[in-house]
């Protein structure tokens, strides 16, 4: 099993745990931290994380902020 598949498995265990009922939707964001050398591998296997999320009954929303900082800096005087 590769590092991305292992990370996806650990993510599945985490996302499958019951969520606290008293949390607002904004408090249910999850960040996956991984070595920068795995960026391309993770992006090509992102569906593993989507399937892990939806299989536990949670909605999936992917947010790509790759160019956000560069656009913000470019628009700043």
PDB file of N, CA and C in Angstrom:
ATOM      1  N   UNK A   1       0.853  -1.180   0.000  1.00  0.00           N
ATOM      2  CA  UNK A   1       0.000   0.000   0.000  1.00  0.00           C
ATOM      3  C   UNK A   1       0.894   1.237   0.000  1.00  0.00           C
ATOM      4  N   UNK A   2       0.588   2.198  -0.868  1.00  0.00           N
ATOM      5  CA  UNK A   2       1.351   3.429  -0.958  1.00  0.00           C
ATOM      6  C   UNK A   2       0.990   4.421   0.134  1.00  0.00           C
ATOM      7  N   UNK A   3       1.771   5.487   0.211  1.00  0.00           N
ATOM      8  CA  UNK A   3       1.531   6.504   1.252  1.00  0.00           C
ATOM      9  C   UNK A   3       0.178   7.174   1.098  1.00  0.00           C
ATOM     10  N   UNK A   4      -0.255   7.433  -0.131  1.00  0.00           N
ATOM     11  CA  UNK A   4      -1.544   8.097  -0.342  1.00  0.00           C
ATOM     12  C   UNK A   4      -2.688   7.169   0.062  1.00  0.00           C
ATOM     13  N   UNK A   5      -2.587   5.910  -0.288  1.00  0.00           N
ATOM     14  CA  UNK A   5      -3.626   4.956   0.099  1.00  0.00           C
ATOM     15  C   UNK A   5      -3.682   4.797   1.618  1.00  0.00           C
ATOM     16  N   UNK A   6      -2.516   4.805   2.256  1.00  0.00           N
ATOM     17  CA  UNK A   6      -2.464   4.724   3.716  1.00  0.00           C
ATOM     18  C   UNK A   6      -3.087   5.967   4.351  1.00  0.00           C
ATOM     19  N   UNK A   7      -2.774   7.117   3.803  1.00  0.00           N
ATOM     20  CA  UNK A   7      -3.353   8.371   4.291  1.00  0.00           C
ATOM     21  C   UNK A   7      -4.868   8.371   4.104  1.00  0.00           C
ATOM     22  N   UNK A   8      -5.337   7.880   2.960  1.00  0.00           N
ATOM     23  CA  UNK A   8      -6.775   7.804   2.702  1.00  0.00           C
ATOM     24  C   UNK A   8      -7.446   6.853   3.685  1.00  0.00           C
ATOM     25  N   UNK A   9      -6.785   5.768   4.035  1.00  0.00           N
ATOM     26  CA  UNK A   9      -7.334   4.836   5.029  1.00  0.00           C
ATOM     27  C   UNK A   9      -7.462   5.466   6.400  1.00  0.00           C
ATOM     28  N   UNK A  10      -6.450   6.218   6.808  1.00  0.00           N
ATOM     29  CA  UNK A  10      -6.525   6.914   8.097  1.00  0.00           C
ATOM     30  C   UNK A  10      -7.600   7.998   8.059  1.00  0.00           C
ATOM     31  N   UNK A  11      -7.719   8.664   6.919  1.00  0.00           N
ATOM     32  CA  UNK A  11      -8.772   9.667   6.751  1.00  0.00           C
ATOM     33  C   UNK A  11     -10.152   9.012   6.879  1.00  0.00           C
ATOM     34  N   UNK A  12     -10.332   7.839   6.254  1.00  0.00           N
ATOM     35  CA  UNK A  12     -11.612   7.124   6.321  1.00  0.00           C
ATOM     36  C   UNK A  12     -11.978   6.805   7.777  1.00  0.00           C
ATOM     37  N   UNK A  13     -11.002   6.378   8.555  1.00  0.00           N
ATOM     38  CA  UNK A  13     -11.253   6.083   9.976  1.00  0.00           C
ATOM     39  C   UNK A  13     -11.695   7.335  10.721  1.00  0.00           C
ATOM     40  N   UNK A  14     -11.054   8.448  10.413  1.00  0.00           N
ATOM     41  CA  UNK A  14     -11.388   9.713  11.087  1.00  0.00           C
ATOM     42  C   UNK A  14     -12.760  10.227  10.660  1.00  0.00           C
ATOM     43  N   UNK A  15     -13.008  10.242   9.374  1.00  0.00           N
ATOM     44  CA  UNK A  15     -14.268  10.798   8.869  1.00  0.00           C
ATOM     45  C   UNK A  15     -15.457   9.912   9.237  1.00  0.00           C
ATOM     46  N   UNK A  16     -15.195   8.620   9.447  1.00  0.00           N
ATOM     47  CA  UNK A  16     -16.266   7.695   9.793  1.00  0.00           C
ATOM     48  C   UNK A  16     -16.701   7.759  11.250  1.00  0.00           C
ATOM     49  N   UNK A  17     -15.913   8.421  12.091  1.00  0.00           N
ATOM     50  CA  UNK A  17     -16.274   8.559  13.504  1.00  0.00           C
ATOM     51  C   UNK A  17     -17.468   9.498  13.633  1.00  0.00           C
ATOM     52  N   UNK A  18     -18.324   9.264  14.614  1.00  0.00           N
ATOM     53  CA  UNK A  18     -19.486  10.151  14.787  1.00  0.00           C
ATOM     54  C   UNK A  18     -19.063  11.599  15.050  1.00  0.00           C
ATOM     55  N   UNK A  19     -19.767  12.514  14.425  1.00  0.00           N
ATOM     56  CA  UNK A  19     -19.496  13.940  14.616  1.00  0.00           C
ATOM     57  C   UNK A  19     -20.335  14.462  15.765  1.00  0.00           C
ATOM     58  N   UNK A  20     -19.823  15.458  16.455  1.00  0.00           N
ATOM     59  CA  UNK A  20     -20.573  16.070  17.547  1.00  0.00           C
ATOM     60  C   UNK A  20     -21.779  16.792  16.966  1.00  0.00           C
ATOM     61  N   UNK A  21     -22.920  16.596  17.578  1.00  0.00           N
ATOM     62  CA  UNK A  21     -24.157  17.200  17.079  1.00  0.00           C
ATOM     63  C   UNK A  21     -24.224  18.705  17.313  1.00  0.00           C
ATOM     64  N   UNK A  22     -23.478  19.201  18.280  1.00  0.00           N
ATOM     65  CA  UNK A  22     -23.570  20.625  18.611  1.00  0.00           C
ATOM     66  C   UNK A  22     -22.619  21.497  17.786  1.00  0.00           C
ATOM     67  N   UNK A  23     -21.954  20.937  16.778  1.00  0.00           N
ATOM     68  CA  UNK A  23     -21.054  21.726  15.935  1.00  0.00           C
ATOM     69  C   UNK A  23     -21.804  22.329  14.758  1.00  0.00           C
ATOM     70  N   UNK A  24     -21.468  23.559  14.436  1.00  0.00           N
ATOM     71  CA  UNK A  24     -22.022  24.210  13.248  1.00  0.00           C
ATOM     72  C   UNK A  24     -21.324  23.653  12.013  1.00  0.00           C
ATOM     73  N   UNK A  25     -21.933  23.844  10.865  1.00  0.00           N
ATOM     74  CA  UNK A  25     -21.350  23.349   9.621  1.00  0.00           C
ATOM     75  C   UNK A  25     -19.950  23.876   9.371  1.00  0.00           C
ATOM     76  N   UNK A  26     -19.719  25.135   9.724  1.00  0.00           N
ATOM     77  CA  UNK A  26     -18.395  25.732   9.526  1.00  0.00           C
ATOM     78  C   UNK A  26     -17.324  25.091  10.393  1.00  0.00           C
ATOM     79  N   UNK A  27     -17.732  24.429  11.445  1.00  0.00           N
ATOM     80  CA  UNK A  27     -16.782  23.784  12.349  1.00  0.00           C
ATOM     81  C   UNK A  27     -16.468  22.349  11.919  1.00  0.00           C
ATOM     82  N   UNK A  28     -17.017  21.926  10.814  1.00  0.00           N
ATOM     83  CA  UNK A  28     -16.821  20.551  10.352  1.00  0.00           C
ATOM     84  C   UNK A  28     -15.909  20.481   9.127  1.00  0.00           C
ATOM     85  N   UNK A  29     -14.963  21.394   9.057  1.00  0.00           N
ATOM     86  CA  UNK A  29     -13.975  21.369   7.973  1.00  0.00           C
ATOM     87  C   UNK A  29     -12.821  20.476   8.395  1.00  0.00           C
ATOM     88  N   UNK A  30     -12.310  19.704   7.466  1.00  0.00           N
ATOM     89  CA  UNK A  30     -11.202  18.797   7.757  1.00  0.00           C
ATOM     90  C   UNK A  30     -10.073  19.094   6.783  1.00  0.00           C
ATOM     91  N   UNK A  31      -8.873  19.220   7.308  1.00  0.00           N
ATOM     92  CA  UNK A  31      -7.691  19.467   6.505  1.00  0.00           C
ATOM     93  C   UNK A  31      -6.815  18.217   6.552  1.00  0.00           C
ATOM     94  N   UNK A  32      -6.338  17.795   5.415  1.00  0.00           N
ATOM     95  CA  UNK A  32      -5.421  16.668   5.336  1.00  0.00           C
ATOM     96  C   UNK A  32      -4.026  17.241   5.121  1.00  0.00           C
ATOM     97  N   UNK A  33      -3.109  16.912   6.013  1.00  0.00           N
ATOM     98  CA  UNK A  33      -1.744  17.414   5.938  1.00  0.00           C
ATOM     99  C   UNK A  33      -0.853  16.277   5.437  1.00  0.00           C
ATOM    100  N   UNK A  34      -0.038  16.600   4.443  1.00  0.00           N
ATOM    101  CA  UNK A  34       0.805  15.583   3.813  1.00  0.00           C
ATOM    102  C   UNK A  34       2.102  16.235   3.346  1.00  0.00           C
ATOM    103  N   UNK A  35       3.129  15.439   3.095  1.00  0.00           N
ATOM    104  CA  UNK A  35       4.398  16.010   2.614  1.00  0.00           C
ATOM    105  C   UNK A  35       4.220  16.654   1.237  1.00  0.00           C
ATOM    106  N   UNK A  36       4.868  17.770   1.011  1.00  0.00           N
ATOM    107  CA  UNK A  36       4.712  18.481  -0.260  1.00  0.00           C
ATOM    108  C   UNK A  36       5.193  17.652  -1.442  1.00  0.00           C
ATOM    109  N   UNK A  37       6.045  16.688  -1.196  1.00  0.00           N
ATOM    110  CA  UNK A  37       6.518  15.820  -2.278  1.00  0.00           C
ATOM    111  C   UNK A  37       5.417  14.895  -2.797  1.00  0.00           C
ATOM    112  N   UNK A  38       4.339  14.753  -2.037  1.00  0.00           N
ATOM    113  CA  UNK A  38       3.225  13.883  -2.436  1.00  0.00           C
ATOM    114  C   UNK A  38       2.082  14.637  -3.110  1.00  0.00           C
ATOM    115  N   UNK A  39       2.279  15.919  -3.402  1.00  0.00           N
ATOM    116  CA  UNK A  39       1.203  16.757  -3.944  1.00  0.00           C
ATOM    117  C   UNK A  39       0.573  16.170  -5.206  1.00  0.00           C
ATOM    118  N   UNK A  40       1.377  15.836  -6.187  1.00  0.00           N
ATOM    119  CA  UNK A  40       0.826  15.309  -7.448  1.00  0.00           C
ATOM    120  C   UNK A  40       0.159  13.965  -7.248  1.00  0.00           C
ATOM    121  N   UNK A  41       0.755  13.122  -6.435  1.00  0.00           N
ATOM    122  CA  UNK A  41       0.158  11.803  -6.169  1.00  0.00           C
ATOM    123  C   UNK A  41      -1.205  11.967  -5.501  1.00  0.00           C
ATOM    124  N   UNK A  42      -1.280  12.856  -4.525  1.00  0.00           N
ATOM    125  CA  UNK A  42      -2.543  13.055  -3.813  1.00  0.00           C
ATOM    126  C   UNK A  42      -3.603  13.625  -4.750  1.00  0.00           C
ATOM    127  N   UNK A  43      -3.247  14.606  -5.546  1.00  0.00           N
ATOM    128  CA  UNK A  43      -4.218  15.196  -6.475  1.00  0.00           C
ATOM    129  C   UNK A  43      -4.755  14.162  -7.460  1.00  0.00           C
ATOM    130  N   UNK A  44      -3.901  13.236  -7.879  1.00  0.00           N
ATOM    131  CA  UNK A  44      -4.352  12.214  -8.831  1.00  0.00           C
ATOM    132  C   UNK A  44      -5.210  11.142  -8.162  1.00  0.00           C
ATOM    133  N   UNK A  45      -5.168  11.056  -6.835  1.00  0.00           N
ATOM    134  CA  UNK A  45      -5.943  10.044  -6.100  1.00  0.00           C
ATOM    135  C   UNK A  45      -6.991  10.672  -5.184  1.00  0.00           C
ATOM    136  N   UNK A  46      -7.370  11.900  -5.460  1.00  0.00           N
ATOM    137  CA  UNK A  46      -8.321  12.627  -4.624  1.00  0.00           C
ATOM    138  C   UNK A  46      -9.654  11.886  -4.491  1.00  0.00           C
ATOM    139  N   UNK A  47      -9.998  11.100  -5.499  1.00  0.00           N
ATOM    140  CA  UNK A  47     -11.260  10.351  -5.439  1.00  0.00           C
ATOM    141  C   UNK A  47     -11.284   9.366  -4.272  1.00  0.00           C
ATOM    142  N   UNK A  48     -10.130   8.909  -3.790  1.00  0.00           N
ATOM    143  CA  UNK A  48     -10.097   8.033  -2.612  1.00  0.00           C
ATOM    144  C   UNK A  48     -10.697   8.739  -1.400  1.00  0.00           C
ATOM    145  N   UNK A  49     -10.384  10.017  -1.271  1.00  0.00           N
ATOM    146  CA  UNK A  49     -10.883  10.800  -0.139  1.00  0.00           C
ATOM    147  C   UNK A  49     -12.364  11.136  -0.323  1.00  0.00           C
ATOM    148  N   UNK A  50     -12.744  11.412  -1.549  1.00  0.00           N
ATOM    149  CA  UNK A  50     -14.161  11.667  -1.823  1.00  0.00           C
ATOM    150  C   UNK A  50     -14.993  10.423  -1.534  1.00  0.00           C
ATOM    151  N   UNK A  51     -14.538   9.266  -1.984  1.00  0.00           N
ATOM    152  CA  UNK A  51     -15.276   8.021  -1.738  1.00  0.00           C
ATOM    153  C   UNK A  51     -15.333   7.706  -0.247  1.00  0.00           C
ATOM    154  N   UNK A  52     -14.244   7.943   0.472  1.00  0.00           N
ATOM    155  CA  UNK A  52     -14.228   7.701   1.916  1.00  0.00           C
ATOM    156  C   UNK A  52     -15.238   8.602   2.612  1.00  0.00           C
ATOM    157  N   UNK A  53     -15.354   9.832   2.164  1.00  0.00           N
ATOM    158  CA  UNK A  53     -16.277  10.795   2.775  1.00  0.00           C
ATOM    159  C   UNK A  53     -17.727  10.425   2.490  1.00  0.00           C
ATOM    160  N   UNK A  54     -18.041  10.217   1.222  1.00  0.00           N
ATOM    161  CA  UNK A  54     -19.437   9.949   0.855  1.00  0.00           C
ATOM    162  C   UNK A  54     -19.895   8.582   1.330  1.00  0.00           C
ATOM    163  N   UNK A  55     -18.979   7.627   1.465  1.00  0.00           N
ATOM    164  CA  UNK A  55     -19.372   6.291   1.943  1.00  0.00           C
ATOM    165  C   UNK A  55     -19.796   6.305   3.404  1.00  0.00           C
ATOM    166  N   UNK A  56     -19.391   7.344   4.144  1.00  0.00           N
ATOM    167  CA  UNK A  56     -19.803   7.457   5.547  1.00  0.00           C
ATOM    168  C   UNK A  56     -21.011   8.363   5.715  1.00  0.00           C
ATOM    169  N   UNK A  57     -21.583   8.810   4.588  1.00  0.00           N
ATOM    170  CA  UNK A  57     -22.802   9.612   4.650  1.00  0.00           C
ATOM    171  C   UNK A  57     -22.583  11.106   4.758  1.00  0.00           C
ATOM    172  N   UNK A  58     -21.350  11.540   4.654  1.00  0.00           N
ATOM    173  CA  UNK A  58     -21.060  12.970   4.726  1.00  0.00           C
ATOM    174  C   UNK A  58     -20.979  13.547   3.324  1.00  0.00           C
ATOM    175  N   UNK A  59     -21.337  14.816   3.169  1.00  0.00           N
ATOM    176  CA  UNK A  59     -21.203  15.445   1.852  1.00  0.00           C
ATOM    177  C   UNK A  59     -19.734  15.747   1.554  1.00  0.00           C
ATOM    178  N   UNK A  60     -19.409  15.848   0.283  1.00  0.00           N
ATOM    179  CA  UNK A  60     -18.044  16.139  -0.155  1.00  0.00           C
ATOM    180  C   UNK A  60     -18.028  17.464  -0.902  1.00  0.00           C
ATOM    181  N   UNK A  61     -17.103  18.321  -0.548  1.00  0.00           N
ATOM    182  CA  UNK A  61     -16.893  19.572  -1.272  1.00  0.00           C
ATOM    183  C   UNK A  61     -15.388  19.783  -1.377  1.00  0.00           C
ATOM    184  N   UNK A  62     -14.909  19.811  -2.586  1.00  0.00           N
ATOM    185  CA  UNK A  62     -13.486  20.022  -2.822  1.00  0.00           C
ATOM    186  C   UNK A  62     -13.246  21.502  -3.077  1.00  0.00           C
ATOM    187  N   UNK A  63     -12.264  22.041  -2.426  1.00  0.00           N
ATOM    188  CA  UNK A  63     -11.938  23.451  -2.541  1.00  0.00           C
ATOM    189  C   UNK A  63     -10.476  23.575  -2.923  1.00  0.00           C
ATOM    190  N   UNK A  64     -10.200  24.030  -4.121  1.00  0.00           N
ATOM    191  CA  UNK A  64      -8.826  24.174  -4.599  1.00  0.00           C
ATOM    192  C   UNK A  64      -8.404  25.630  -4.470  1.00  0.00           C
ATOM    193  N   UNK A  65      -7.498  25.891  -3.557  1.00  0.00           N
ATOM    194  CA  UNK A  65      -7.036  27.254  -3.290  1.00  0.00           C
ATOM    195  C   UNK A  65      -5.644  27.498  -3.866  1.00  0.00           C
ATOM    196  N   UNK A  66      -5.248  26.684  -4.823  1.00  0.00           N
ATOM    197  CA  UNK A  66      -3.896  26.729  -5.375  1.00  0.00           C
ATOM    198  C   UNK A  66      -3.468  28.129  -5.792  1.00  0.00           C
ATOM    199  N   UNK A  67      -4.273  28.816  -6.562  1.00  0.00           N
ATOM    200  CA  UNK A  67      -3.883  30.116  -7.106  1.00  0.00           C
ATOM    201  C   UNK A  67      -4.462  31.311  -6.347  1.00  0.00           C
ATOM    202  N   UNK A  68      -5.147  31.071  -5.270  1.00  0.00           N
ATOM    203  CA  UNK A  68      -5.822  32.142  -4.537  1.00  0.00           C
ATOM    204  C   UNK A  68      -4.846  33.189  -4.013  1.00  0.00           C
ATOM    205  N   UNK A  69      -3.778  32.749  -3.381  1.00  0.00           N
ATOM    206  CA  UNK A  69      -2.817  33.699  -2.823  1.00  0.00           C
ATOM    207  C   UNK A  69      -2.166  34.521  -3.930  1.00  0.00           C
ATOM    208  N   UNK A  70      -1.779  33.874  -5.024  1.00  0.00           N
ATOM    209  CA  UNK A  70      -1.134  34.595  -6.136  1.00  0.00           C
ATOM    210  C   UNK A  70      -2.075  35.636  -6.737  1.00  0.00           C
ATOM    211  N   UNK A  71      -3.357  35.289  -6.887  1.00  0.00           N
ATOM    212  CA  UNK A  71      -4.321  36.258  -7.423  1.00  0.00           C
ATOM    213  C   UNK A  71      -4.514  37.419  -6.456  1.00  0.00           C
ATOM    214  N   UNK A  72      -4.552  37.138  -5.173  1.00  0.00           N
ATOM    215  CA  UNK A  72      -4.718  38.193  -4.161  1.00  0.00           C
ATOM    216  C   UNK A  72      -3.531  39.147  -4.185  1.00  0.00           C
ATOM    217  N   UNK A  73      -2.324  38.599  -4.213  1.00  0.00           N
ATOM    218  CA  UNK A  73      -1.120  39.437  -4.241  1.00  0.00           C
ATOM    219  C   UNK A  73      -1.077  40.272  -5.522  1.00  0.00           C
ATOM    220  N   UNK A  74      -1.434  39.677  -6.649  1.00  0.00           N
ATOM    221  CA  UNK A  74      -1.417  40.380  -7.935  1.00  0.00           C
ATOM    222  C   UNK A  74      -2.413  41.540  -7.954  1.00  0.00           C
ATOM    223  N   UNK A  75      -3.512  41.402  -7.221  1.00  0.00           N
ATOM    224  CA  UNK A  75      -4.538  42.442  -7.210  1.00  0.00           C
ATOM    225  C   UNK A  75      -4.271  43.527  -6.157  1.00  0.00           C
ATOM    226  N   UNK A  76      -3.249  43.332  -5.346  1.00  0.00           N
ATOM    227  CA  UNK A  76      -2.934  44.280  -4.275  1.00  0.00           C
ATOM    228  C   UNK A  76      -1.923  45.311  -4.773  1.00  0.00           C
ATOM    229  N   UNK A  77      -2.217  46.561  -4.473  1.00  0.00           N
ATOM    230  CA  UNK A  77      -1.277  47.637  -4.852  1.00  0.00           C
ATOM    231  C   UNK A  77      -0.062  47.637  -3.951  1.00  0.00           C
TER     232      UNK A  77
END
